[in-house]
Structure formats: structure tokens, C-alpha cells
PDB file of N, CA and C in Angstrom:
ATOM      1  N   MET A   1     -14.846  -9.072   4.076  1.00  0.00           N
ATOM      2  CA  MET A   1     -14.459  -7.734   3.656  1.00  0.00           C
ATOM      3  C   MET A   1     -15.681  -6.831   3.689  1.00  0.00           C
ATOM      4  N   ASN A   2     -15.542  -5.652   4.231  1.00  0.00           N
ATOM      5  CA  ASN A   2     -16.615  -4.674   4.267  1.00  0.00           C
ATOM      6  C   ASN A   2     -16.620  -3.911   2.953  1.00  0.00           C
ATOM      7  N   ALA A   3     -17.656  -4.123   2.142  1.00  0.00           N
ATOM      8  CA  ALA A   3     -17.724  -3.496   0.823  1.00  0.00           C
ATOM      9  C   ALA A   3     -17.993  -1.999   0.902  1.00  0.00           C
ATOM     10  N   ASP A   4     -18.373  -1.500   2.079  1.00  0.00           N
ATOM     11  CA  ASP A   4     -18.677  -0.082   2.220  1.00  0.00           C
ATOM     12  C   ASP A   4     -17.440   0.776   2.466  1.00  0.00           C
ATOM     13  N   LYS A   5     -16.341   0.165   2.862  1.00  0.00           N
ATOM     14  CA  LYS A   5     -15.129   0.929   3.167  1.00  0.00           C
ATOM     15  C   LYS A   5     -13.932   0.302   2.468  1.00  0.00           C
ATOM     16  N   LEU A   6     -13.153   1.146   1.852  1.00  0.00           N
ATOM     17  CA  LEU A   6     -11.935   0.686   1.200  1.00  0.00           C
ATOM     18  C   LEU A   6     -10.918   1.815   1.254  1.00  0.00           C
ATOM     19  N   THR A   7      -9.746   1.503   1.734  1.00  0.00           N
ATOM     20  CA  THR A   7      -8.645   2.456   1.734  1.00  0.00           C
ATOM     21  C   THR A   7      -7.574   1.913   0.809  1.00  0.00           C
ATOM     22  N   VAL A   8      -7.151   2.732  -0.119  1.00  0.00           N
ATOM     23  CA  VAL A   8      -6.103   2.336  -1.059  1.00  0.00           C
ATOM     24  C   VAL A   8      -4.837   3.095  -0.691  1.00  0.00           C
ATOM     25  N   VAL A   9      -3.760   2.366  -0.544  1.00  0.00           N
ATOM     26  CA  VAL A   9      -2.460   2.967  -0.264  1.00  0.00           C
ATOM     27  C   VAL A   9      -1.564   2.648  -1.449  1.00  0.00           C
ATOM     28  N   MET A  10      -0.970   3.683  -2.030  1.00  0.00           N
ATOM     29  CA  MET A  10      -0.153   3.489  -3.221  1.00  0.00           C
ATOM     30  C   MET A  10       1.205   4.167  -3.026  1.00  0.00           C
ATOM     31  N   TYR A  11       2.243   3.423  -3.259  1.00  0.00           N
ATOM     32  CA  TYR A  11       3.602   3.954  -3.189  1.00  0.00           C
ATOM     33  C   TYR A  11       4.140   4.061  -4.611  1.00  0.00           C
ATOM     34  N   HIS A  12       4.718   5.207  -4.929  1.00  0.00           N
ATOM     35  CA  HIS A  12       5.214   5.433  -6.280  1.00  0.00           C
ATOM     36  C   HIS A  12       6.736   5.340  -6.394  1.00  0.00           C
ATOM     37  N   TYR A  13       7.441   5.589  -5.312  1.00  0.00           N
ATOM     38  CA  TYR A  13       8.910   5.621  -5.395  1.00  0.00           C
ATOM     39  C   TYR A  13       9.490   5.130  -4.082  1.00  0.00           C
ATOM     40  N   VAL A  14       9.818   3.849  -4.038  1.00  0.00           N
ATOM     41  CA  VAL A  14      10.427   3.237  -2.853  1.00  0.00           C
ATOM     42  C   VAL A  14      11.844   2.844  -3.251  1.00  0.00           C
ATOM     43  N   ARG A  15      12.806   3.490  -2.641  1.00  0.00           N
ATOM     44  CA  ARG A  15      14.204   3.260  -3.010  1.00  0.00           C
ATOM     45  C   ARG A  15      15.102   3.516  -1.805  1.00  0.00           C
ATOM     46  N   ASP A  16      16.357   3.131  -1.955  1.00  0.00           N
ATOM     47  CA  ASP A  16      17.411   3.539  -1.030  1.00  0.00           C
ATOM     48  C   ASP A  16      17.686   5.007  -1.349  1.00  0.00           C
ATOM     49  N   LEU A  17      17.108   5.905  -0.591  1.00  0.00           N
ATOM     50  CA  LEU A  17      17.166   7.327  -0.926  1.00  0.00           C
ATOM     51  C   LEU A  17      18.562   7.919  -0.781  1.00  0.00           C
ATOM     52  N   GLN A  18      19.396   7.336   0.057  1.00  0.00           N
ATOM     53  CA  GLN A  18      20.753   7.862   0.224  1.00  0.00           C
ATOM     54  C   GLN A  18      21.569   7.704  -1.052  1.00  0.00           C
ATOM     55  N   ASN A  19      21.273   6.675  -1.823  1.00  0.00           N
ATOM     56  CA  ASN A  19      22.029   6.415  -3.048  1.00  0.00           C
ATOM     57  C   ASN A  19      21.179   6.624  -4.298  1.00  0.00           C
ATOM     58  N   SER A  20      20.154   7.447  -4.188  1.00  0.00           N
ATOM     59  CA  SER A  20      19.226   7.657  -5.293  1.00  0.00           C
ATOM     60  C   SER A  20      19.879   8.437  -6.429  1.00  0.00           C
ATOM     61  N   ARG A  21      19.573   8.040  -7.641  1.00  0.00           N
ATOM     62  CA  ARG A  21      20.029   8.787  -8.814  1.00  0.00           C
ATOM     63  C   ARG A  21      19.189  10.041  -9.010  1.00  0.00           C
ATOM     64  N   TYR A  22      18.048  10.100  -8.319  1.00  0.00           N
ATOM     65  CA  TYR A  22      17.119  11.216  -8.480  1.00  0.00           C
ATOM     66  C   TYR A  22      16.784  11.823  -7.113  1.00  0.00           C
ATOM     67  N   PRO A  23      17.721  12.516  -6.495  1.00  0.00           N
ATOM     68  CA  PRO A  23      17.507  13.033  -5.140  1.00  0.00           C
ATOM     69  C   PRO A  23      16.390  14.073  -5.055  1.00  0.00           C
ATOM     70  N   GLN A  24      16.032  14.696  -6.172  1.00  0.00           N
ATOM     71  CA  GLN A  24      14.975  15.705  -6.150  1.00  0.00           C
ATOM     72  C   GLN A  24      13.577  15.087  -6.069  1.00  0.00           C
ATOM     73  N   ILE A  25      13.461  13.790  -6.341  1.00  0.00           N
ATOM     74  CA  ILE A  25      12.168  13.118  -6.263  1.00  0.00           C
ATOM     75  C   ILE A  25      11.919  12.704  -4.822  1.00  0.00           C
ATOM     76  N   LYS A  26      10.784  13.131  -4.297  1.00  0.00           N
ATOM     77  CA  LYS A  26      10.433  12.740  -2.930  1.00  0.00           C
ATOM     78  C   LYS A  26       9.972  11.292  -2.963  1.00  0.00           C
ATOM     79  N   GLY A  27      10.610  10.467  -2.170  1.00  0.00           N
ATOM     80  CA  GLY A  27      10.265   9.053  -2.146  1.00  0.00           C
ATOM     81  C   GLY A  27      10.209   8.518  -0.735  1.00  0.00           C
ATOM     82  N   CYS A  28      10.059   7.226  -0.652  1.00  0.00           N
ATOM     83  CA  CYS A  28      10.001   6.530   0.633  1.00  0.00           C
ATOM     84  C   CYS A  28      11.194   5.587   0.708  1.00  0.00           C
ATOM     85  N   ASP A  29      11.978   5.731   1.746  1.00  0.00           N
ATOM     86  CA  ASP A  29      13.122   4.855   1.936  1.00  0.00           C
ATOM     87  C   ASP A  29      12.644   3.425   2.204  1.00  0.00           C
ATOM     88  N   VAL A  30      13.397   2.456   1.768  1.00  0.00           N
ATOM     89  CA  VAL A  30      13.025   1.043   1.898  1.00  0.00           C
ATOM     90  C   VAL A  30      12.762   0.669   3.351  1.00  0.00           C
ATOM     91  N   ARG A  31      13.584   1.126   4.262  1.00  0.00           N
ATOM     92  CA  ARG A  31      13.405   0.810   5.684  1.00  0.00           C
ATOM     93  C   ARG A  31      12.064   1.329   6.192  1.00  0.00           C
ATOM     94  N   LEU A  32      11.747   2.568   5.872  1.00  0.00           N
ATOM     95  CA  LEU A  32      10.478   3.156   6.294  1.00  0.00           C
ATOM     96  C   LEU A  32       9.302   2.439   5.630  1.00  0.00           C
ATOM     97  N   PHE A  33       9.454   2.085   4.372  1.00  0.00           N
ATOM     98  CA  PHE A  33       8.408   1.351   3.655  1.00  0.00           C
ATOM     99  C   PHE A  33       8.095   0.032   4.362  1.00  0.00           C
ATOM    100  N   LYS A  34       9.130  -0.701   4.748  1.00  0.00           N
ATOM    101  CA  LYS A  34       8.927  -1.977   5.445  1.00  0.00           C
ATOM    102  C   LYS A  34       8.215  -1.774   6.779  1.00  0.00           C
ATOM    103  N   GLU A  35       8.586  -0.730   7.498  1.00  0.00           N
ATOM    104  CA  GLU A  35       7.920  -0.422   8.773  1.00  0.00           C
ATOM    105  C   GLU A  35       6.444  -0.106   8.549  1.00  0.00           C
ATOM    106  N   GLN A  36       6.162   0.666   7.523  1.00  0.00           N
ATOM    107  CA  GLN A  36       4.777   1.029   7.237  1.00  0.00           C
ATOM    108  C   GLN A  36       3.953  -0.187   6.822  1.00  0.00           C
ATOM    109  N   ILE A  37       4.523  -1.069   6.035  1.00  0.00           N
ATOM    110  CA  ILE A  37       3.812  -2.287   5.625  1.00  0.00           C
ATOM    111  C   ILE A  37       3.524  -3.164   6.839  1.00  0.00           C
ATOM    112  N   LYS A  38       4.478  -3.300   7.741  1.00  0.00           N
ATOM    113  CA  LYS A  38       4.242  -4.081   8.969  1.00  0.00           C
ATOM    114  C   LYS A  38       3.088  -3.491   9.773  1.00  0.00           C
ATOM    115  N   PHE A  39       3.056  -2.173   9.896  1.00  0.00           N
ATOM    116  CA  PHE A  39       1.967  -1.510  10.612  1.00  0.00           C
ATOM    117  C   PHE A  39       0.633  -1.785   9.924  1.00  0.00           C
ATOM    118  N   LEU A  40       0.599  -1.622   8.621  1.00  0.00           N
ATOM    119  CA  LEU A  40      -0.642  -1.845   7.877  1.00  0.00           C
ATOM    120  C   LEU A  40      -1.114  -3.288   8.005  1.00  0.00           C
ATOM    121  N   GLN A  41      -0.190  -4.238   7.945  1.00  0.00           N
ATOM    122  CA  GLN A  41      -0.555  -5.649   8.090  1.00  0.00           C
ATOM    123  C   GLN A  41      -1.133  -5.934   9.472  1.00  0.00           C
ATOM    124  N   LYS A  42      -0.631  -5.244  10.476  1.00  0.00           N
ATOM    125  CA  LYS A  42      -1.096  -5.467  11.844  1.00  0.00           C
ATOM    126  C   LYS A  42      -2.495  -4.888  12.074  1.00  0.00           C
ATOM    127  N   HIS A  43      -2.806  -3.782  11.411  1.00  0.00           N
ATOM    128  CA  HIS A  43      -4.034  -3.052  11.701  1.00  0.00           C
ATOM    129  C   HIS A  43      -5.099  -3.117  10.605  1.00  0.00           C
ATOM    130  N   TYR A  44      -4.759  -3.658   9.446  1.00  0.00           N
ATOM    131  CA  TYR A  44      -5.699  -3.686   8.327  1.00  0.00           C
ATOM    132  C   TYR A  44      -5.638  -5.035   7.626  1.00  0.00           C
ATOM    133  N   ASN A  45      -6.658  -5.314   6.833  1.00  0.00           N
ATOM    134  CA  ASN A  45      -6.679  -6.519   6.005  1.00  0.00           C
ATOM    135  C   ASN A  45      -6.313  -6.147   4.577  1.00  0.00           C
ATOM    136  N   PHE A  46      -5.342  -6.833   4.030  1.00  0.00           N
ATOM    137  CA  PHE A  46      -4.972  -6.624   2.643  1.00  0.00           C
ATOM    138  C   PHE A  46      -5.914  -7.443   1.771  1.00  0.00           C
ATOM    139  N   VAL A  47      -6.328  -6.876   0.651  1.00  0.00           N
ATOM    140  CA  VAL A  47      -7.200  -7.587  -0.279  1.00  0.00           C
ATOM    141  C   VAL A  47      -6.677  -7.398  -1.697  1.00  0.00           C
ATOM    142  N   THR A  48      -7.079  -8.302  -2.562  1.00  0.00           N
ATOM    143  CA  THR A  48      -6.706  -8.200  -3.969  1.00  0.00           C
ATOM    144  C   THR A  48      -7.743  -7.362  -4.709  1.00  0.00           C
ATOM    145  N   ILE A  49      -7.390  -6.909  -5.885  1.00  0.00           N
ATOM    146  CA  ILE A  49      -8.343  -6.151  -6.694  1.00  0.00           C
ATOM    147  C   ILE A  49      -9.538  -7.027  -7.065  1.00  0.00           C
ATOM    148  N   GLU A  50      -9.311  -8.318  -7.220  1.00  0.00           N
ATOM    149  CA  GLU A  50     -10.408  -9.235  -7.526  1.00  0.00           C
ATOM    150  C   GLU A  50     -11.416  -9.281  -6.381  1.00  0.00           C
ATOM    151  N   GLN A  51     -10.926  -9.270  -5.147  1.00  0.00           N
ATOM    152  CA  GLN A  51     -11.816  -9.259  -3.987  1.00  0.00           C
ATOM    153  C   GLN A  51     -12.614  -7.958  -3.918  1.00  0.00           C
ATOM    154  N   VAL A  52     -11.998  -6.871  -4.268  1.00  0.00           N
ATOM    155  CA  VAL A  52     -12.685  -5.581  -4.271  1.00  0.00           C
ATOM    156  C   VAL A  52     -13.800  -5.584  -5.310  1.00  0.00           C
ATOM    157  N   ILE A  53     -13.486  -6.036  -6.501  1.00  0.00           N
ATOM    158  CA  ILE A  53     -14.487  -6.081  -7.575  1.00  0.00           C
ATOM    159  C   ILE A  53     -15.637  -6.995  -7.189  1.00  0.00           C
ATOM    160  N   ASN A  54     -15.332  -8.151  -6.646  1.00  0.00           N
ATOM    161  CA  ASN A  54     -16.363  -9.099  -6.234  1.00  0.00           C
ATOM    162  C   ASN A  54     -17.266  -8.490  -5.157  1.00  0.00           C
ATOM    163  N   ALA A  55     -16.682  -7.814  -4.180  1.00  0.00           N
ATOM    164  CA  ALA A  55     -17.473  -7.180  -3.123  1.00  0.00           C
ATOM    165  C   ALA A  55     -18.341  -6.064  -3.697  1.00  0.00           C
ATOM    166  N   TYR A  56     -17.790  -5.308  -4.625  1.00  0.00           N
ATOM    167  CA  TYR A  56     -18.542  -4.220  -5.259  1.00  0.00           C
ATOM    168  C   TYR A  56     -19.752  -4.762  -6.012  1.00  0.00           C
ATOM    169  N   ARG A  57     -19.581  -5.909  -6.616  1.00  0.00           N
ATOM    170  CA  ARG A  57     -20.668  -6.532  -7.384  1.00  0.00           C
ATOM    171  C   ARG A  57     -21.649  -7.297  -6.503  1.00  0.00           C
ATOM    172  N   GLY A  58     -21.396  -7.314  -5.203  1.00  0.00           N
ATOM    173  CA  GLY A  58     -22.329  -7.944  -4.285  1.00  0.00           C
ATOM    174  C   GLY A  58     -21.954  -9.334  -3.846  1.00  0.00           C
ATOM    175  N   GLY A  59     -20.782  -9.793  -4.224  1.00  0.00           N
ATOM    176  CA  GLY A  59     -20.318 -11.114  -3.804  1.00  0.00           C
ATOM    177  C   GLY A  59     -19.710 -11.069  -2.418  1.00  0.00           C
ATOM    178  N   ALA A  60     -19.224 -12.214  -1.993  1.00  0.00           N
ATOM    179  CA  ALA A  60     -18.607 -12.306  -0.660  1.00  0.00           C
ATOM    180  C   ALA A  60     -17.136 -11.978  -0.719  1.00  0.00           C
TER     181      ALA A  60
END
């Protein structure tokens, strides 16, 4: 893991938007979310918060 670069992606509202109880809330449809996760998995490395902390502290 490169400790000098970190991109955090956070999703707050992933739902079936067609049947949402809260249509005024902008969210991400489940289908689109799955597509985006597949893309991210293909092009980036996922890490845990523990790995981030360890890298920040100078570990491997």
C-alpha cells in the first residue's frame, strides 16, 4: 500500500430508488452501486482502516 496516497469513497444512501420512501433524498441505486464497486475493484486496491493506520504509522 502506498502510504502517500489514499482515496476514500463513501456512500451514504444506496437503495432501490424506484421504491424509495424518501424520493427527495439523492441516492445511488443498487444496480449502479454494484457497477461502481466492480469498477473500483478492477482499478484500485481496497484496504481496511487498520491497514491505513498501520501505513500512516510507518508500518507495512
